[in-house]
N, C-alpha and C. Protein backbone atom coordinates (compact mmCIF):
# COMPACT_ATOMS: atom_id res chain seq x y z
N ALA A 1 0.85 -1.19 0.00
CA ALA A 1 0.00 0.00 0.00
C ALA A 1 0.88 1.24 0.00
N LEU A 2 0.39 2.28 -0.64
CA LEU A 2 1.09 3.56 -0.65
C LEU A 2 0.58 4.39 0.53
N PRO A 3 1.42 4.69 1.51
CA PRO A 3 0.97 5.48 2.66
C PRO A 3 0.94 6.96 2.33
N ILE A 4 -0.01 7.65 2.90
CA ILE A 4 -0.08 9.10 2.74
C ILE A 4 -0.17 9.72 4.12
N CYS A 5 0.76 10.58 4.46
CA CYS A 5 0.72 11.32 5.71
C CYS A 5 0.39 12.77 5.36
N LEU A 6 -0.83 13.18 5.66
CA LEU A 6 -1.28 14.50 5.22
C LEU A 6 -0.58 15.64 5.92
N SER A 7 0.03 15.39 7.07
CA SER A 7 0.72 16.47 7.76
C SER A 7 2.04 16.80 7.09
N GLN A 8 2.52 15.94 6.19
CA GLN A 8 3.81 16.17 5.55
C GLN A 8 3.69 16.76 4.15
N TYR A 9 2.63 16.43 3.42
CA TYR A 9 2.56 16.83 2.01
C TYR A 9 1.16 17.29 1.64
N GLN A 10 1.06 18.37 0.88
CA GLN A 10 -0.22 18.75 0.27
C GLN A 10 -0.19 18.47 -1.21
N VAL A 11 1.01 18.38 -1.80
CA VAL A 11 1.17 18.01 -3.20
C VAL A 11 2.21 16.89 -3.22
N ALA A 12 1.85 15.79 -3.86
CA ALA A 12 2.75 14.64 -3.90
C ALA A 12 2.67 13.99 -5.27
N SER A 13 3.67 13.15 -5.58
CA SER A 13 3.64 12.40 -6.82
C SER A 13 4.13 10.99 -6.55
N VAL A 14 3.66 10.08 -7.42
CA VAL A 14 4.07 8.69 -7.31
C VAL A 14 4.16 8.11 -8.73
N THR A 15 5.17 7.30 -8.96
CA THR A 15 5.27 6.53 -10.20
C THR A 15 4.96 5.09 -9.84
N LEU A 16 3.93 4.55 -10.48
CA LEU A 16 3.49 3.19 -10.17
C LEU A 16 4.40 2.19 -10.87
N GLY A 17 5.02 1.33 -10.09
CA GLY A 17 5.87 0.27 -10.63
C GLY A 17 5.19 -1.08 -10.51
N GLY A 18 3.92 -1.07 -10.17
CA GLY A 18 3.11 -2.27 -10.01
C GLY A 18 1.73 -1.85 -9.59
N ASN A 19 0.82 -2.78 -9.48
CA ASN A 19 -0.51 -2.46 -8.98
C ASN A 19 -0.40 -2.11 -7.50
N ARG A 20 -1.06 -1.03 -7.09
CA ARG A 20 -0.90 -0.52 -5.73
C ARG A 20 -2.25 -0.19 -5.10
N ILE A 21 -2.22 -0.03 -3.77
CA ILE A 21 -3.38 0.41 -3.00
C ILE A 21 -3.02 1.74 -2.36
N LEU A 22 -3.86 2.73 -2.51
CA LEU A 22 -3.68 4.02 -1.86
C LEU A 22 -4.35 3.91 -0.49
N ALA A 23 -3.54 3.72 0.54
CA ALA A 23 -4.05 3.48 1.89
C ALA A 23 -4.76 4.72 2.44
N ASN A 24 -5.60 4.50 3.42
CA ASN A 24 -6.24 5.64 4.08
C ASN A 24 -5.15 6.54 4.68
N PRO A 25 -5.31 7.85 4.54
CA PRO A 25 -4.30 8.78 5.05
C PRO A 25 -4.21 8.76 6.57
N THR A 26 -3.04 9.12 7.07
CA THR A 26 -2.87 9.36 8.50
C THR A 26 -2.84 10.86 8.71
N ASN A 27 -3.09 11.28 9.90
CA ASN A 27 -3.08 12.71 10.26
C ASN A 27 -3.99 13.53 9.36
N MET A 28 -5.22 13.04 9.14
CA MET A 28 -6.15 13.76 8.27
C MET A 28 -6.47 15.13 8.86
N ALA A 29 -6.40 16.13 8.01
CA ALA A 29 -6.70 17.50 8.40
C ALA A 29 -7.50 18.16 7.29
N VAL A 30 -8.35 19.07 7.67
CA VAL A 30 -9.13 19.82 6.69
C VAL A 30 -8.17 20.51 5.74
N GLY A 31 -8.40 20.35 4.44
CA GLY A 31 -7.53 20.99 3.45
C GLY A 31 -7.73 20.40 2.07
N THR A 32 -6.92 20.88 1.16
CA THR A 32 -6.94 20.43 -0.23
C THR A 32 -5.60 19.79 -0.54
N TYR A 33 -5.63 18.66 -1.22
CA TYR A 33 -4.43 17.87 -1.50
C TYR A 33 -4.43 17.45 -2.98
N ILE A 34 -3.25 17.37 -3.57
CA ILE A 34 -3.11 17.01 -4.98
C ILE A 34 -2.12 15.85 -5.09
N LEU A 35 -2.48 14.87 -5.93
CA LEU A 35 -1.62 13.71 -6.16
C LEU A 35 -1.40 13.53 -7.65
N HIS A 36 -0.14 13.61 -8.08
CA HIS A 36 0.24 13.34 -9.46
C HIS A 36 0.60 11.86 -9.53
N ILE A 37 -0.02 11.14 -10.46
CA ILE A 37 0.21 9.70 -10.59
C ILE A 37 0.76 9.43 -11.98
N TYR A 38 1.91 8.76 -12.03
CA TYR A 38 2.56 8.43 -13.29
C TYR A 38 2.62 6.91 -13.46
N GLN A 39 2.40 6.45 -14.68
CA GLN A 39 2.66 5.05 -15.00
C GLN A 39 4.14 4.90 -15.28
N ASP A 40 4.71 3.78 -14.92
CA ASP A 40 6.12 3.52 -15.24
C ASP A 40 6.25 3.18 -16.72
N GLY A 41 7.41 2.75 -17.15
CA GLY A 41 7.67 2.45 -18.56
C GLY A 41 6.88 1.27 -19.10
N ALA A 42 6.37 0.43 -18.21
CA ALA A 42 5.56 -0.72 -18.66
C ALA A 42 4.08 -0.33 -18.80
N GLY A 43 3.60 0.58 -17.95
CA GLY A 43 2.20 0.98 -17.97
C GLY A 43 1.27 -0.12 -17.48
N SER A 44 0.00 0.12 -17.65
CA SER A 44 -1.07 -0.82 -17.26
C SER A 44 -1.13 -1.09 -15.76
N ARG A 45 -0.62 -0.18 -14.96
CA ARG A 45 -0.67 -0.33 -13.50
C ARG A 45 -2.03 0.16 -13.00
N THR A 46 -2.52 -0.46 -11.92
CA THR A 46 -3.80 -0.06 -11.34
C THR A 46 -3.60 0.51 -9.95
N LEU A 47 -4.61 1.23 -9.50
CA LEU A 47 -4.57 1.83 -8.17
C LEU A 47 -5.92 1.58 -7.52
N SER A 48 -5.91 0.99 -6.33
CA SER A 48 -7.10 0.80 -5.52
C SER A 48 -7.04 1.81 -4.38
N TYR A 49 -8.16 2.01 -3.69
CA TYR A 49 -8.25 3.10 -2.72
C TYR A 49 -8.79 2.61 -1.39
N GLY A 50 -8.28 3.19 -0.30
CA GLY A 50 -8.81 2.91 1.03
C GLY A 50 -10.24 3.43 1.16
N THR A 51 -10.88 3.07 2.24
CA THR A 51 -12.30 3.38 2.44
C THR A 51 -12.57 4.87 2.69
N LYS A 52 -11.56 5.64 3.02
CA LYS A 52 -11.74 7.07 3.29
C LYS A 52 -11.81 7.91 2.01
N PHE A 53 -11.51 7.30 0.86
CA PHE A 53 -11.57 8.01 -0.41
C PHE A 53 -12.97 7.89 -0.99
N LYS A 54 -13.58 9.04 -1.28
CA LYS A 54 -14.94 9.10 -1.80
C LYS A 54 -14.91 9.78 -3.18
N TRP A 55 -15.77 9.31 -4.11
CA TRP A 55 -15.71 9.76 -5.50
C TRP A 55 -17.07 10.25 -5.98
N PRO A 56 -17.11 11.15 -6.98
CA PRO A 56 -18.38 11.63 -7.51
C PRO A 56 -19.27 10.45 -7.94
N ALA A 57 -20.51 10.48 -7.48
CA ALA A 57 -21.49 9.44 -7.79
C ALA A 57 -21.02 8.06 -7.38
N GLY A 58 -20.01 7.98 -6.52
CA GLY A 58 -19.51 6.70 -6.04
C GLY A 58 -18.74 5.90 -7.07
N VAL A 59 -18.34 6.56 -8.18
CA VAL A 59 -17.64 5.88 -9.27
C VAL A 59 -16.13 5.98 -9.03
N ILE A 60 -15.50 4.84 -8.78
CA ILE A 60 -14.06 4.81 -8.53
C ILE A 60 -13.34 4.99 -9.88
N PRO A 61 -12.40 5.94 -9.95
CA PRO A 61 -11.73 6.21 -11.23
C PRO A 61 -10.79 5.10 -11.66
N THR A 62 -10.65 4.95 -12.98
CA THR A 62 -9.70 4.02 -13.57
C THR A 62 -8.59 4.86 -14.20
N LEU A 63 -7.36 4.58 -13.84
CA LEU A 63 -6.22 5.37 -14.32
C LEU A 63 -5.97 5.17 -15.80
N SER A 64 -5.30 6.15 -16.41
CA SER A 64 -4.76 5.99 -17.76
C SER A 64 -3.71 4.90 -17.69
N THR A 65 -3.62 4.06 -18.71
CA THR A 65 -2.73 2.90 -18.60
C THR A 65 -1.52 2.91 -19.53
N ALA A 66 -1.41 3.91 -20.39
CA ALA A 66 -0.26 3.95 -21.30
C ALA A 66 1.03 4.15 -20.50
N ALA A 67 2.12 3.59 -21.00
CA ALA A 67 3.43 3.79 -20.36
C ALA A 67 3.71 5.28 -20.26
N GLY A 68 4.10 5.75 -19.09
CA GLY A 68 4.41 7.15 -18.87
C GLY A 68 3.19 8.04 -18.70
N ALA A 69 1.97 7.51 -18.70
CA ALA A 69 0.77 8.33 -18.55
C ALA A 69 0.81 9.12 -17.25
N HIS A 70 0.18 10.29 -17.26
CA HIS A 70 0.16 11.19 -16.11
C HIS A 70 -1.29 11.53 -15.79
N ASP A 71 -1.75 11.17 -14.62
CA ASP A 71 -3.07 11.51 -14.13
C ASP A 71 -2.91 12.38 -12.90
N ILE A 72 -3.89 13.24 -12.65
CA ILE A 72 -3.86 14.11 -11.48
C ILE A 72 -5.16 13.94 -10.71
N MET A 73 -5.03 13.72 -9.41
CA MET A 73 -6.19 13.64 -8.54
C MET A 73 -6.09 14.75 -7.51
N SER A 74 -7.21 15.38 -7.24
CA SER A 74 -7.25 16.37 -6.17
C SER A 74 -8.28 15.93 -5.15
N PHE A 75 -8.03 16.27 -3.91
CA PHE A 75 -8.89 15.84 -2.82
C PHE A 75 -9.20 17.01 -1.90
N VAL A 76 -10.43 17.06 -1.43
CA VAL A 76 -10.83 17.98 -0.39
C VAL A 76 -11.11 17.11 0.83
N CYS A 77 -10.44 17.41 1.91
CA CYS A 77 -10.58 16.62 3.13
C CYS A 77 -11.37 17.41 4.16
N ASP A 78 -12.35 16.75 4.79
CA ASP A 78 -13.12 17.37 5.86
C ASP A 78 -12.66 16.91 7.24
N GLY A 79 -11.51 16.24 7.27
CA GLY A 79 -10.98 15.72 8.51
C GLY A 79 -11.37 14.26 8.75
N THR A 80 -12.33 13.76 7.97
CA THR A 80 -12.80 12.38 8.10
C THR A 80 -12.63 11.60 6.81
N ASN A 81 -12.96 12.23 5.68
CA ASN A 81 -12.91 11.58 4.37
C ASN A 81 -12.15 12.45 3.37
N MET A 82 -11.71 11.80 2.29
CA MET A 82 -11.03 12.47 1.19
C MET A 82 -11.96 12.43 -0.02
N TYR A 83 -12.48 13.60 -0.42
CA TYR A 83 -13.42 13.68 -1.54
C TYR A 83 -12.62 14.02 -2.79
N GLY A 84 -12.61 13.07 -3.74
CA GLY A 84 -11.71 13.19 -4.89
C GLY A 84 -12.35 13.63 -6.18
N SER A 85 -11.53 14.29 -7.00
CA SER A 85 -11.85 14.56 -8.39
C SER A 85 -10.58 14.25 -9.18
N TYR A 86 -10.69 14.17 -10.49
CA TYR A 86 -9.54 13.69 -11.25
C TYR A 86 -9.51 14.23 -12.67
N MET A 87 -8.28 14.26 -13.20
CA MET A 87 -8.00 14.60 -14.60
C MET A 87 -7.11 13.47 -15.12
N PHE A 88 -7.52 12.89 -16.24
CA PHE A 88 -6.77 11.76 -16.78
C PHE A 88 -5.99 12.14 -18.02
N ASP A 89 -4.89 11.44 -18.22
CA ASP A 89 -4.07 11.56 -19.42
C ASP A 89 -3.67 13.01 -19.69
N VAL A 90 -3.14 13.65 -18.65
CA VAL A 90 -2.72 15.04 -18.76
C VAL A 90 -1.44 15.12 -19.58
N LYS A 91 -1.41 15.99 -20.58
CA LYS A 91 -0.24 16.13 -21.46
C LYS A 91 0.21 17.56 -21.50
């Protein structure tokens, strides 16, 4: 699982080298957070999410899968949950 400590970062990036789980954050605080997600040179990596991540209409996003693809997720935290939105295949 990929750990997220919200007290350390408001903007972070990760390059997926395999299928991963985005674990529930620690030290949740009210605020806005941005995560840049990159596929490695192989691509086709997936990302699953902890239970604290909530999505529009309850639809869990599927990442872009091309090698080197860049997706951006932003989250608004109310101190309990992370409410996400996303932009895929950013060039």
